[in-house]
Amino acid sequence: MLVNEEIKLDYSDVLIRPKRSTMSSRGEVNLERTHNFLWSKKKWTGIPIMSSNMDTVGTPAMHKVLSKYKLITCPAKHHLKKDQGKFKKGKANTCWFGGIDDINNLAKTSSGFIGLDVANGYTIKFVDAVKKLRDKCPDATIAAGNVVTADMTQELILAGADIVKVGIGPGSVCTTRIKTGIGYPQLSAVIECADAAHGLDAHIIADGGCVNSGDIVKAFAAGADFVMLGGMLAGHDECDGEVENGVMKFYGMASESAMSRHGNHNAYRGVEGKTVEVEYRGKADDTIKDILSGIRSACTYVGATRLKTLSKCTTFVRVNNTHNTIFGME
């Protein structure tokens, strides 16, 4: 048994210190990024925010809205086998995720990205699956996760992943930390995994833990190349679900709701997610505009004319611990 006494941080533990800026308007900020991928050798340009591949938000209707803003949709897994045609438009901004058993189906897609998504990305079986998918799809841009440490980020990249998905337990409907005691504070996970990935010319997705646009800003400032959203996109007209008494249901993919819907019950698997009610929020357009406005505003506070330079302009201030600490990301 070992105890690591280094302080690790979540998004709520920090703020970003403002800096002098020559910018006159948030309209000057360019939120588009161009990423060149290590293994596929492909290039992608857009705003690097993704919908989670969850039942309620990974829908064709959400894809239609996100594509308009050059954001990425990760369709819910059940669409992979029978509904790929519903996501044809804007396929460059589509990332199909599946499990280890879905490699053959993933190999048949023609989207911008494909990926392997499991709760525990630390098993040898998962690493071997990433290698297998790379062998089957040598020209595909492949994402893989989830992990939260630098060593495993590097291992997945060396196995063939262009992008590593980072996050264990930070999601609003994930109960992994409660059920298992396993996890890692998300801001520190993003900083450490991004550093490891960028050293190999690869990329990461910050998956989970964002409850407002400020958290998305902190994820990008910490080095995330993409940020994945679930709960922030829940409760809209474009989601899968009915509005009842002003609320909509939103659930984790390891919840009882998801396992019942997809027949994933078995003798050894317990629930590691929950079902919650979220306030009905109307059209996703308004939420997306609000998110992008918040990110642009943050960039003006630190003098970053492009999202790409945000992390270089960032100094985090620790605010929720006994001793305030300032540390830069330059």
C-alpha atoms as a PDB file:
ATOM      1  CA  MET A   1       0.000   0.000   0.000  1.00  0.00           C
ATOM      2  CA  LEU A   2       1.263   3.476  -0.921  1.00  0.00           C
ATOM      3  CA  VAL A   3      -0.053   6.924  -0.066  1.00  0.00           C
ATOM      4  CA  ASN A   4       0.538   9.727  -2.559  1.00  0.00           C
ATOM      5  CA  GLU A   5       0.369  12.928  -0.537  1.00  0.00           C
ATOM      6  CA  GLU A   6       0.545  15.334  -3.473  1.00  0.00           C
ATOM      7  CA  ILE A   7      -2.542  17.531  -3.699  1.00  0.00           C
ATOM      8  CA  LYS A   8      -4.720  16.716  -6.720  1.00  0.00           C
ATOM      9  CA  LEU A   9      -7.357  19.135  -7.960  1.00  0.00           C
ATOM     10  CA  ASP A  10     -10.855  19.194  -9.446  1.00  0.00           C
ATOM     11  CA  TYR A  11     -12.268  22.047 -11.520  1.00  0.00           C
ATOM     12  CA  SER A  12     -13.975  23.516  -8.444  1.00  0.00           C
ATOM     13  CA  ASP A  13     -10.616  23.844  -6.657  1.00  0.00           C
ATOM     14  CA  VAL A  14      -9.248  26.557  -8.950  1.00  0.00           C
ATOM     15  CA  LEU A  15      -9.976  29.823 -10.724  1.00  0.00           C
ATOM     16  CA  ILE A  16      -8.004  31.444 -13.543  1.00  0.00           C
ATOM     17  CA  ARG A  17      -6.259  34.701 -12.756  1.00  0.00           C
ATOM     18  CA  PRO A  18      -7.046  37.517 -15.235  1.00  0.00           C
ATOM     19  CA  LYS A  19      -4.223  39.203 -17.150  1.00  0.00           C
ATOM     20  CA  ARG A  20      -3.805  42.398 -19.118  1.00  0.00           C
ATOM     21  CA  SER A  21      -5.262  42.072 -22.604  1.00  0.00           C
ATOM     22  CA  THR A  22      -5.168  44.162 -25.772  1.00  0.00           C
ATOM     23  CA  MET A  23      -8.386  42.613 -27.039  1.00  0.00           C
ATOM     24  CA  SER A  24     -11.460  44.817 -27.349  1.00  0.00           C
ATOM     25  CA  SER A  25     -14.186  42.199 -27.887  1.00  0.00           C
ATOM     26  CA  ARG A  26     -14.847  38.518 -27.335  1.00  0.00           C
ATOM     27  CA  GLY A  27     -15.805  38.453 -31.005  1.00  0.00           C
ATOM     28  CA  GLU A  28     -12.081  38.528 -31.778  1.00  0.00           C
ATOM     29  CA  VAL A  29     -11.550  35.081 -30.256  1.00  0.00           C
ATOM     30  CA  ASN A  30     -11.143  32.119 -32.616  1.00  0.00           C
ATOM     31  CA  LEU A  31     -12.464  28.946 -30.970  1.00  0.00           C
ATOM     32  CA  GLU A  32     -11.600  26.621 -33.850  1.00  0.00           C
ATOM     33  CA  ARG A  33      -8.670  24.250 -33.501  1.00  0.00           C
ATOM     34  CA  THR A  34      -6.835  22.275 -36.147  1.00  0.00           C
ATOM     35  CA  HIS A  35      -5.500  18.956 -34.879  1.00  0.00           C
ATOM     36  CA  ASN A  36      -3.110  16.679 -36.769  1.00  0.00           C
ATOM     37  CA  PHE A  37      -3.259  13.097 -35.545  1.00  0.00           C
ATOM     38  CA  LEU A  38      -0.308  10.862 -34.798  1.00  0.00           C
ATOM     39  CA  TRP A  39      -1.329   7.526 -36.317  1.00  0.00           C
ATOM     40  CA  SER A  40      -4.057   8.345 -38.850  1.00  0.00           C
ATOM     41  CA  LYS A  41      -2.061  11.292 -40.263  1.00  0.00           C
ATOM     42  CA  LYS A  42      -5.387  13.061 -40.750  1.00  0.00           C
ATOM     43  CA  LYS A  43      -6.277  16.656 -39.971  1.00  0.00           C
ATOM     44  CA  TRP A  44      -9.441  17.942 -38.290  1.00  0.00           C
ATOM     45  CA  THR A  45     -10.652  21.527 -37.888  1.00  0.00           C
ATOM     46  CA  GLY A  46     -13.573  22.610 -35.730  1.00  0.00           C
ATOM     47  CA  ILE A  47     -14.547  23.604 -32.197  1.00  0.00           C
ATOM     48  CA  PRO A  48     -13.295  20.708 -30.032  1.00  0.00           C
ATOM     49  CA  ILE A  49     -16.333  20.126 -27.851  1.00  0.00           C
ATOM     50  CA  MET A  50     -18.076  16.731 -27.997  1.00  0.00           C
ATOM     51  CA  SER A  51     -21.398  15.350 -26.849  1.00  0.00           C
ATOM     52  CA  SER A  52     -21.024  12.257 -24.720  1.00  0.00           C
ATOM     53  CA  ASN A  53     -21.951   8.906 -26.255  1.00  0.00           C
ATOM     54  CA  MET A  54     -24.840   8.514 -23.802  1.00  0.00           C
ATOM     55  CA  ASP A  55     -28.374   7.476 -24.676  1.00  0.00           C
ATOM     56  CA  THR A  56     -29.990  10.774 -23.825  1.00  0.00           C
ATOM     57  CA  VAL A  57     -27.562  13.167 -25.544  1.00  0.00           C
ATOM     58  CA  GLY A  58     -25.899  11.155 -28.346  1.00  0.00           C
ATOM     59  CA  THR A  59     -28.907  11.538 -30.639  1.00  0.00           C
ATOM     60  CA  PRO A  60     -29.411  12.364 -34.345  1.00  0.00           C
ATOM     61  CA  ALA A  61     -31.195  15.593 -33.378  1.00  0.00           C
ATOM     62  CA  MET A  62     -28.310  16.680 -31.164  1.00  0.00           C
ATOM     63  CA  HIS A  63     -25.895  15.833 -33.997  1.00  0.00           C
ATOM     64  CA  LYS A  64     -27.779  18.164 -36.319  1.00  0.00           C
ATOM     65  CA  VAL A  65     -27.392  21.085 -33.918  1.00  0.00           C
ATOM     66  CA  LEU A  66     -23.786  20.417 -32.927  1.00  0.00           C
ATOM     67  CA  SER A  67     -22.716  20.057 -36.562  1.00  0.00           C
ATOM     68  CA  LYS A  68     -24.025  23.545 -37.250  1.00  0.00           C
ATOM     69  CA  TYR A  69     -21.482  24.912 -34.761  1.00  0.00           C
ATOM     70  CA  LYS A  70     -18.657  22.575 -35.912  1.00  0.00           C
ATOM     71  CA  LEU A  71     -18.869  20.589 -32.683  1.00  0.00           C
ATOM     72  CA  ILE A  72     -18.519  16.796 -32.513  1.00  0.00           C
ATOM     73  CA  THR A  73     -21.254  14.263 -31.778  1.00  0.00           C
ATOM     74  CA  CYS A  74     -20.505  10.895 -30.191  1.00  0.00           C
ATOM     75  CA  PRO A  75     -23.629   8.865 -30.976  1.00  0.00           C
ATOM     76  CA  ALA A  76     -25.070   6.619 -28.297  1.00  0.00           C
ATOM     77  CA  LYS A  77     -23.688   3.120 -28.672  1.00  0.00           C
ATOM     78  CA  HIS A  78     -26.987   1.494 -29.670  1.00  0.00           C
ATOM     79  CA  HIS A  79     -27.016   3.540 -32.887  1.00  0.00           C
ATOM     80  CA  LEU A  80     -23.799   1.834 -34.044  1.00  0.00           C
ATOM     81  CA  LYS A  81     -25.501  -1.395 -35.102  1.00  0.00           C
ATOM     82  CA  LYS A  82     -28.639  -0.090 -36.784  1.00  0.00           C
ATOM     83  CA  ASP A  83     -28.849   3.699 -37.149  1.00  0.00           C
ATOM     84  CA  GLN A  84     -25.563   4.939 -38.598  1.00  0.00           C
ATOM     85  CA  GLY A  85     -27.424   6.444 -41.523  1.00  0.00           C
ATOM     86  CA  LYS A  86     -29.026   8.997 -39.206  1.00  0.00           C
ATOM     87  CA  PHE A  87     -25.595  10.552 -38.603  1.00  0.00           C
ATOM     88  CA  LYS A  88     -24.356  10.708 -42.207  1.00  0.00           C
ATOM     89  CA  LYS A  89     -24.506  14.478 -42.561  1.00  0.00           C
ATOM     90  CA  GLY A  90     -21.438  16.067 -41.028  1.00  0.00           C
ATOM     91  CA  LYS A  91     -19.707  12.710 -40.609  1.00  0.00           C
ATOM     92  CA  ALA A  92     -16.342  14.469 -40.218  1.00  0.00           C
ATOM     93  CA  ASN A  93     -17.702  15.708 -36.874  1.00  0.00           C
ATOM     94  CA  THR A  94     -18.900  12.299 -35.702  1.00  0.00           C
ATOM     95  CA  CYS A  95     -17.034   9.996 -33.341  1.00  0.00           C
ATOM     96  CA  TRP A  96     -18.435   6.480 -33.046  1.00  0.00           C
ATOM     97  CA  PHE A  97     -17.552   4.763 -29.778  1.00  0.00           C
ATOM     98  CA  GLY A  98     -18.050   1.088 -29.050  1.00  0.00           C
ATOM     99  CA  GLY A  99     -16.860  -1.593 -26.680  1.00  0.00           C
ATOM    100  CA  ILE A 100     -14.298  -4.309 -27.254  1.00  0.00           C
ATOM    101  CA  ASP A 101     -16.959  -6.513 -28.883  1.00  0.00           C
ATOM    102  CA  ASP A 102     -17.807  -3.757 -31.385  1.00  0.00           C
ATOM    103  CA  ILE A 103     -14.479  -3.631 -33.231  1.00  0.00           C
ATOM    104  CA  ASN A 104     -15.895  -5.119 -36.445  1.00  0.00           C
ATOM    105  CA  ASN A 105     -18.786  -2.645 -36.488  1.00  0.00           C
ATOM    106  CA  LEU A 106     -16.430   0.263 -35.800  1.00  0.00           C
ATOM    107  CA  ALA A 107     -14.205  -0.819 -38.675  1.00  0.00           C
ATOM    108  CA  LYS A 108     -17.164  -0.415 -41.064  1.00  0.00           C
ATOM    109  CA  THR A 109     -17.933   3.207 -40.185  1.00  0.00           C
ATOM    110  CA  SER A 110     -16.843   6.124 -42.358  1.00  0.00           C
ATOM    111  CA  SER A 111     -16.945   8.869 -39.726  1.00  0.00           C
ATOM    112  CA  GLY A 112     -14.228  11.317 -38.766  1.00  0.00           C
ATOM    113  CA  PHE A 113     -13.351   9.395 -35.625  1.00  0.00           C
ATOM    114  CA  ILE A 114     -13.881   5.969 -34.109  1.00  0.00           C
ATOM    115  CA  GLY A 115     -13.106   4.855 -30.585  1.00  0.00           C
ATOM    116  CA  LEU A 116     -13.130   2.206 -27.891  1.00  0.00           C
ATOM    117  CA  ASP A 117     -14.929   3.256 -24.741  1.00  0.00           C
ATOM    118  CA  VAL A 118     -14.814   1.215 -21.532  1.00  0.00           C
ATOM    119  CA  ALA A 119     -15.128   2.191 -17.887  1.00  0.00           C
ATOM    120  CA  ASN A 120     -11.739   0.683 -17.019  1.00  0.00           C
ATOM    121  CA  GLY A 121      -9.028   1.356 -19.579  1.00  0.00           C
ATOM    122  CA  TYR A 122      -6.310  -0.242 -17.461  1.00  0.00           C
ATOM    123  CA  THR A 123      -6.704  -3.862 -18.495  1.00  0.00           C
ATOM    124  CA  ILE A 124      -4.381  -5.732 -20.843  1.00  0.00           C
ATOM    125  CA  LYS A 125      -7.461  -6.866 -22.743  1.00  0.00           C
ATOM    126  CA  PHE A 126      -8.316  -3.260 -23.516  1.00  0.00           C
ATOM    127  CA  VAL A 127      -4.791  -2.409 -24.660  1.00  0.00           C
ATOM    128  CA  ASP A 128      -4.862  -5.441 -26.965  1.00  0.00           C
ATOM    129  CA  ALA A 129      -8.226  -4.287 -28.326  1.00  0.00           C
ATOM    130  CA  VAL A 130      -6.763  -0.875 -29.210  1.00  0.00           C
ATOM    131  CA  LYS A 131      -3.944  -2.646 -31.070  1.00  0.00           C
ATOM    132  CA  LYS A 132      -6.474  -4.812 -32.892  1.00  0.00           C
ATOM    133  CA  LEU A 133      -8.570  -1.823 -33.933  1.00  0.00           C
ATOM    134  CA  ARG A 134      -5.465  -0.023 -35.206  1.00  0.00           C
ATOM    135  CA  ASP A 135      -4.467  -3.096 -37.223  1.00  0.00           C
ATOM    136  CA  LYS A 136      -7.962  -3.293 -38.742  1.00  0.00           C
ATOM    137  CA  CYS A 137      -8.169   0.449 -39.388  1.00  0.00           C
ATOM    138  CA  PRO A 138      -4.665   1.778 -40.062  1.00  0.00           C
ATOM    139  CA  ASP A 139      -5.963   5.081 -41.468  1.00  0.00           C
ATOM    140  CA  ALA A 140      -8.640   5.787 -38.823  1.00  0.00           C
ATOM    141  CA  THR A 141      -8.399   8.458 -36.162  1.00  0.00           C
ATOM    142  CA  ILE A 142      -8.872   6.357 -33.036  1.00  0.00           C
ATOM    143  CA  ALA A 143      -9.839   7.458 -29.528  1.00  0.00           C
ATOM    144  CA  ALA A 144      -9.572   5.171 -26.502  1.00  0.00           C
ATOM    145  CA  GLY A 145     -10.354   5.361 -22.785  1.00  0.00           C
ATOM    146  CA  ASN A 146     -11.043   5.913 -20.029  1.00  0.00           C
ATOM    147  CA  VAL A 147      -7.885   6.427 -17.992  1.00  0.00           C
ATOM    148  CA  VAL A 148      -6.607   9.134 -15.626  1.00  0.00           C
ATOM    149  CA  THR A 149      -2.837   8.663 -15.376  1.00  0.00           C
ATOM    150  CA  ALA A 150       0.124   9.582 -17.544  1.00  0.00           C
ATOM    151  CA  ASP A 151       1.570   6.074 -17.788  1.00  0.00           C
ATOM    152  CA  MET A 152      -1.617   4.535 -19.150  1.00  0.00           C
ATOM    153  CA  THR A 153      -2.174   7.479 -21.474  1.00  0.00           C
ATOM    154  CA  GLN A 154       1.207   6.747 -23.018  1.00  0.00           C
ATOM    155  CA  GLU A 155       0.528   3.015 -23.232  1.00  0.00           C
ATOM    156  CA  LEU A 156      -2.740   3.522 -25.118  1.00  0.00           C
ATOM    157  CA  ILE A 157      -1.047   5.931 -27.530  1.00  0.00           C
ATOM    158  CA  LEU A 158       1.774   3.492 -28.199  1.00  0.00           C
ATOM    159  CA  ALA A 159      -0.866   0.796 -28.762  1.00  0.00           C
ATOM    160  CA  GLY A 160      -2.384   2.877 -31.570  1.00  0.00           C
ATOM    161  CA  ALA A 161      -4.678   5.522 -30.069  1.00  0.00           C
ATOM    162  CA  ASP A 162      -4.531   9.026 -31.561  1.00  0.00           C
ATOM    163  CA  ILE A 163      -6.651  10.416 -28.727  1.00  0.00           C
ATOM    164  CA  VAL A 164      -7.006   9.214 -25.123  1.00  0.00           C
ATOM    165  CA  LYS A 165     -10.226   9.787 -23.191  1.00  0.00           C
ATOM    166  CA  VAL A 166      -9.517  10.980 -19.642  1.00  0.00           C
ATOM    167  CA  GLY A 167     -11.864  10.710 -16.667  1.00  0.00           C
ATOM    168  CA  ILE A 168     -12.909   8.112 -14.093  1.00  0.00           C
ATOM    169  CA  GLY A 169     -15.772   9.107 -11.851  1.00  0.00           C
ATOM    170  CA  PRO A 170     -16.184  12.878 -12.412  1.00  0.00           C
ATOM    171  CA  GLY A 171     -19.488  12.688 -14.341  1.00  0.00           C
ATOM    172  CA  SER A 172     -22.675  13.906 -12.692  1.00  0.00           C
ATOM    173  CA  VAL A 173     -24.411  10.529 -13.104  1.00  0.00           C
ATOM    174  CA  CYS A 174     -21.368   8.326 -12.476  1.00  0.00           C
ATOM    175  CA  THR A 175     -21.067   6.584  -9.104  1.00  0.00           C
ATOM    176  CA  THR A 176     -17.756   4.769  -9.687  1.00  0.00           C
ATOM    177  CA  ARG A 177     -15.952   6.752  -6.995  1.00  0.00           C
ATOM    178  CA  ILE A 178     -18.689   5.956  -4.481  1.00  0.00           C
ATOM    179  CA  LYS A 179     -19.075   2.282  -5.389  1.00  0.00           C
ATOM    180  CA  THR A 180     -15.393   1.424  -5.835  1.00  0.00           C
ATOM    181  CA  GLY A 181     -13.270   4.131  -4.218  1.00  0.00           C
ATOM    182  CA  ILE A 182     -11.466   4.480  -7.560  1.00  0.00           C
ATOM    183  CA  GLY A 183     -10.887   7.799  -9.309  1.00  0.00           C
ATOM    184  CA  TYR A 184      -8.678  10.839  -9.755  1.00  0.00           C
ATOM    185  CA  PRO A 185      -9.515  14.562  -9.465  1.00  0.00           C
ATOM    186  CA  GLN A 186     -10.313  15.649 -12.993  1.00  0.00           C
ATOM    187  CA  LEU A 187      -8.270  18.836 -13.368  1.00  0.00           C
ATOM    188  CA  SER A 188      -5.087  17.084 -12.257  1.00  0.00           C
ATOM    189  CA  ALA A 189      -5.903  14.101 -14.475  1.00  0.00           C
ATOM    190  CA  VAL A 190      -6.260  16.397 -17.491  1.00  0.00           C
ATOM    191  CA  ILE A 191      -2.998  18.246 -16.736  1.00  0.00           C
ATOM    192  CA  GLU A 192      -0.978  15.066 -16.258  1.00  0.00           C
ATOM    193  CA  CYS A 193      -2.489  13.074 -19.135  1.00  0.00           C
ATOM    194  CA  ALA A 194      -2.293  16.015 -21.544  1.00  0.00           C
ATOM    195  CA  ASP A 195       1.379  16.441 -20.731  1.00  0.00           C
ATOM    196  CA  ALA A 196       2.004  12.760 -21.402  1.00  0.00           C
ATOM    197  CA  ALA A 197       0.013  12.726 -24.647  1.00  0.00           C
ATOM    198  CA  HIS A 198       1.497  15.913 -26.051  1.00  0.00           C
ATOM    199  CA  GLY A 199       4.975  14.536 -25.448  1.00  0.00           C
ATOM    200  CA  LEU A 200       4.097  11.823 -27.970  1.00  0.00           C
ATOM    201  CA  ASP A 201       2.334  14.227 -30.398  1.00  0.00           C
ATOM    202  CA  ALA A 202      -1.049  12.763 -29.436  1.00  0.00           C
ATOM    203  CA  HIS A 203      -4.223  14.244 -27.929  1.00  0.00           C
ATOM    204  CA  ILE A 204      -6.686  13.837 -25.054  1.00  0.00           C
ATOM    205  CA  ILE A 205     -10.389  14.261 -24.380  1.00  0.00           C
ATOM    206  CA  ALA A 206     -11.393  15.626 -20.965  1.00  0.00           C
ATOM    207  CA  ASP A 207     -14.460  13.484 -20.245  1.00  0.00           C
ATOM    208  CA  GLY A 208     -16.776  14.439 -17.395  1.00  0.00           C
ATOM    209  CA  GLY A 209     -16.975  16.870 -14.516  1.00  0.00           C
ATOM    210  CA  CYS A 210     -18.013  20.017 -16.391  1.00  0.00           C
ATOM    211  CA  VAL A 211     -21.130  21.616 -14.924  1.00  0.00           C
ATOM    212  CA  ASN A 212     -20.774  25.069 -16.515  1.00  0.00           C
ATOM    213  CA  SER A 213     -18.827  26.862 -19.238  1.00  0.00           C
ATOM    214  CA  GLY A 214     -16.169  27.886 -16.712  1.00  0.00           C
ATOM    215  CA  ASP A 215     -15.301  24.218 -16.158  1.00  0.00           C
ATOM    216  CA  ILE A 216     -14.914  23.735 -19.900  1.00  0.00           C
ATOM    217  CA  VAL A 217     -12.552  26.714 -19.933  1.00  0.00           C
ATOM    218  CA  LYS A 218     -10.510  25.151 -17.111  1.00  0.00           C
ATOM    219  CA  ALA A 219     -10.297  21.847 -18.998  1.00  0.00           C
ATOM    220  CA  PHE A 220      -8.948  23.555 -22.128  1.00  0.00           C
ATOM    221  CA  ALA A 221      -6.639  25.712 -20.013  1.00  0.00           C
ATOM    222  CA  ALA A 222      -5.275  22.539 -18.385  1.00  0.00           C
ATOM    223  CA  GLY A 223      -4.291  21.162 -21.784  1.00  0.00           C
ATOM    224  CA  ALA A 224      -7.325  19.234 -23.017  1.00  0.00           C
ATOM    225  CA  ASP A 225      -7.557  19.023 -26.797  1.00  0.00           C
ATOM    226  CA  PHE A 226     -11.252  18.074 -26.688  1.00  0.00           C
ATOM    227  CA  VAL A 227     -13.876  18.369 -23.949  1.00  0.00           C
ATOM    228  CA  MET A 228     -16.769  15.900 -23.720  1.00  0.00           C
ATOM    229  CA  LEU A 229     -20.121  16.960 -22.242  1.00  0.00           C
ATOM    230  CA  GLY A 230     -23.008  14.868 -20.950  1.00  0.00           C
ATOM    231  CA  GLY A 231     -25.068  16.573 -18.263  1.00  0.00           C
ATOM    232  CA  MET A 232     -24.615  20.045 -19.748  1.00  0.00           C
ATOM    233  CA  LEU A 233     -26.379  18.866 -22.915  1.00  0.00           C
ATOM    234  CA  ALA A 234     -29.136  16.953 -21.104  1.00  0.00           C
ATOM    235  CA  GLY A 235     -32.694  18.220 -20.790  1.00  0.00           C
ATOM    236  CA  HIS A 236     -33.069  19.662 -24.287  1.00  0.00           C
ATOM    237  CA  ASP A 237     -35.556  19.101 -27.087  1.00  0.00           C
ATOM    238  CA  GLU A 238     -32.857  17.222 -29.000  1.00  0.00           C
ATOM    239  CA  CYS A 239     -32.388  14.656 -26.225  1.00  0.00           C
ATOM    240  CA  ASP A 240     -33.874  11.181 -26.077  1.00  0.00           C
ATOM    241  CA  GLY A 241     -36.653  11.392 -23.512  1.00  0.00           C
ATOM    242  CA  GLU A 242     -39.994  12.912 -22.629  1.00  0.00           C
ATOM    243  CA  VAL A 243     -40.655  16.098 -20.676  1.00  0.00           C
ATOM    244  CA  GLU A 244     -42.760  15.396 -17.584  1.00  0.00           C
ATOM    245  CA  ASN A 245     -43.638  18.112 -15.087  1.00  0.00           C
ATOM    246  CA  GLY A 246     -40.868  20.324 -16.414  1.00  0.00           C
ATOM    247  CA  VAL A 247     -38.061  17.752 -16.147  1.00  0.00           C
ATOM    248  CA  MET A 248     -36.350  15.116 -18.290  1.00  0.00           C
ATOM    249  CA  LYS A 249     -34.502  11.975 -17.235  1.00  0.00           C
ATOM    250  CA  PHE A 250     -30.723  11.726 -17.629  1.00  0.00           C
ATOM    251  CA  TYR A 251     -28.800   8.590 -16.732  1.00  0.00           C
ATOM    252  CA  GLY A 252     -25.321   7.123 -16.734  1.00  0.00           C
ATOM    253  CA  MET A 253     -24.475   4.257 -19.045  1.00  0.00           C
ATOM    254  CA  ALA A 254     -23.696   2.006 -16.080  1.00  0.00           C
ATOM    255  CA  SER A 255     -27.014   2.830 -14.401  1.00  0.00           C
ATOM    256  CA  GLU A 256     -29.979   0.551 -13.867  1.00  0.00           C
ATOM    257  CA  SER A 257     -31.854   2.546 -16.535  1.00  0.00           C
ATOM    258  CA  ALA A 258     -29.185   1.891 -19.175  1.00  0.00           C
ATOM    259  CA  MET A 259     -28.678  -1.764 -18.279  1.00  0.00           C
ATOM    260  CA  SER A 260     -32.425  -2.422 -18.403  1.00  0.00           C
ATOM    261  CA  ARG A 261     -32.793  -0.664 -21.741  1.00  0.00           C
ATOM    262  CA  HIS A 262     -29.928  -2.535 -23.379  1.00  0.00           C
ATOM    263  CA  GLY A 263     -30.136  -5.881 -21.564  1.00  0.00           C
ATOM    264  CA  ASN A 264     -26.707  -5.585 -19.947  1.00  0.00           C
ATOM    265  CA  HIS A 265     -27.557  -7.272 -16.645  1.00  0.00           C
ATOM    266  CA  ASN A 266     -25.393 -10.179 -15.567  1.00  0.00           C
ATOM    267  CA  ALA A 267     -24.469 -12.010 -12.394  1.00  0.00           C
ATOM    268  CA  TYR A 268     -21.239 -10.128 -11.663  1.00  0.00           C
ATOM    269  CA  ARG A 269     -21.986  -6.590 -12.822  1.00  0.00           C
ATOM    270  CA  GLY A 270     -23.460  -4.038 -10.441  1.00  0.00           C
ATOM    271  CA  VAL A 271     -24.714  -0.528 -10.984  1.00  0.00           C
ATOM    272  CA  GLU A 272     -22.093   2.257 -11.194  1.00  0.00           C
ATOM    273  CA  GLY A 273     -24.335   5.029 -12.457  1.00  0.00           C
ATOM    274  CA  LYS A 274     -27.568   6.739 -11.524  1.00  0.00           C
ATOM    275  CA  THR A 275     -30.689   8.225 -13.075  1.00  0.00           C
ATOM    276  CA  VAL A 276     -31.524  11.835 -12.291  1.00  0.00           C
ATOM    277  CA  GLU A 277     -34.100  14.386 -13.342  1.00  0.00           C
ATOM    278  CA  VAL A 278     -32.812  17.537 -15.016  1.00  0.00           C
ATOM    279  CA  GLU A 279     -34.731  20.707 -15.669  1.00  0.00           C
ATOM    280  CA  TYR A 280     -36.189  20.993 -19.161  1.00  0.00           C
ATOM    281  CA  ARG A 281     -34.055  23.555 -20.998  1.00  0.00           C
ATOM    282  CA  GLY A 282     -35.660  23.970 -24.439  1.00  0.00           C
ATOM    283  CA  LYS A 283     -33.530  23.998 -27.565  1.00  0.00           C
ATOM    284  CA  ALA A 284     -29.850  23.053 -27.402  1.00  0.00           C
ATOM    285  CA  ASP A 285     -28.985  26.054 -29.599  1.00  0.00           C
ATOM    286  CA  ASP A 286     -29.291  28.469 -26.691  1.00  0.00           C
ATOM    287  CA  THR A 287     -27.132  26.346 -24.396  1.00  0.00           C
ATOM    288  CA  ILE A 288     -24.407  25.926 -27.011  1.00  0.00           C
ATOM    289  CA  LYS A 289     -24.337  29.664 -27.708  1.00  0.00           C
ATOM    290  CA  ASP A 290     -24.033  30.307 -23.971  1.00  0.00           C
ATOM    291  CA  ILE A 291     -21.173  27.806 -23.639  1.00  0.00           C
ATOM    292  CA  LEU A 292     -19.240  29.276 -26.564  1.00  0.00           C
ATOM    293  CA  SER A 293     -19.830  32.802 -25.260  1.00  0.00           C
ATOM    294  CA  GLY A 294     -18.400  31.826 -21.876  1.00  0.00           C
ATOM    295  CA  ILE A 295     -15.259  30.375 -23.461  1.00  0.00           C
ATOM    296  CA  ARG A 296     -14.755  33.446 -25.637  1.00  0.00           C
ATOM    297  CA  SER A 297     -15.186  35.712 -22.630  1.00  0.00           C
ATOM    298  CA  ALA A 298     -12.617  33.730 -20.649  1.00  0.00           C
ATOM    299  CA  CYS A 299     -10.105  34.091 -23.467  1.00  0.00           C
ATOM    300  CA  THR A 300     -10.505  37.885 -23.407  1.00  0.00           C
ATOM    301  CA  TYR A 301      -9.789  37.921 -19.656  1.00  0.00           C
ATOM    302  CA  VAL A 302      -6.352  36.373 -20.196  1.00  0.00           C
ATOM    303  CA  GLY A 303      -5.489  37.805 -23.612  1.00  0.00           C
ATOM    304  CA  ALA A 304      -5.839  34.620 -25.635  1.00  0.00           C
ATOM    305  CA  THR A 305      -6.955  35.488 -29.164  1.00  0.00           C
ATOM    306  CA  ARG A 306      -7.255  31.793 -30.013  1.00  0.00           C
ATOM    307  CA  LEU A 307      -8.406  28.778 -28.029  1.00  0.00           C
ATOM    308  CA  LYS A 308      -5.075  27.209 -28.950  1.00  0.00           C
ATOM    309  CA  THR A 309      -3.169  29.734 -26.826  1.00  0.00           C
ATOM    310  CA  LEU A 310      -5.465  29.650 -23.790  1.00  0.00           C
ATOM    311  CA  SER A 311      -3.336  27.195 -21.814  1.00  0.00           C
ATOM    312  CA  LYS A 312      -0.212  29.311 -22.402  1.00  0.00           C
ATOM    313  CA  CYS A 313      -2.032  32.351 -21.005  1.00  0.00           C
ATOM    314  CA  THR A 314      -3.385  30.536 -17.952  1.00  0.00           C
ATOM    315  CA  THR A 315      -2.384  30.867 -14.324  1.00  0.00           C
ATOM    316  CA  PHE A 316      -4.564  28.773 -12.021  1.00  0.00           C
ATOM    317  CA  VAL A 317      -5.253  29.983  -8.496  1.00  0.00           C
ATOM    318  CA  ARG A 318      -6.142  27.324  -5.942  1.00  0.00           C
ATOM    319  CA  VAL A 319      -9.158  28.570  -3.984  1.00  0.00           C
ATOM    320  CA  ASN A 320     -10.784  25.736  -2.026  1.00  0.00           C
ATOM    321  CA  ASN A 321      -7.892  24.588   0.103  1.00  0.00           C
ATOM    322  CA  THR A 322      -6.316  25.940   3.271  1.00  0.00           C
ATOM    323  CA  HIS A 323      -3.432  27.679   1.504  1.00  0.00           C
ATOM    324  CA  ASN A 324      -4.067  29.492  -1.769  1.00  0.00           C
ATOM    325  CA  THR A 325      -1.519  28.533  -4.390  1.00  0.00           C
ATOM    326  CA  ILE A 326      -0.797  30.068  -7.780  1.00  0.00           C
ATOM    327  CA  PHE A 327       0.647  27.954 -10.565  1.00  0.00           C
ATOM    328  CA  GLY A 328       1.063  28.787 -14.247  1.00  0.00           C
ATOM    329  CA  MET A 329       0.498  26.651 -17.340  1.00  0.00           C
ATOM    330  CA  GLU A 330       3.085  28.428 -19.500  1.00  0.00           C
END
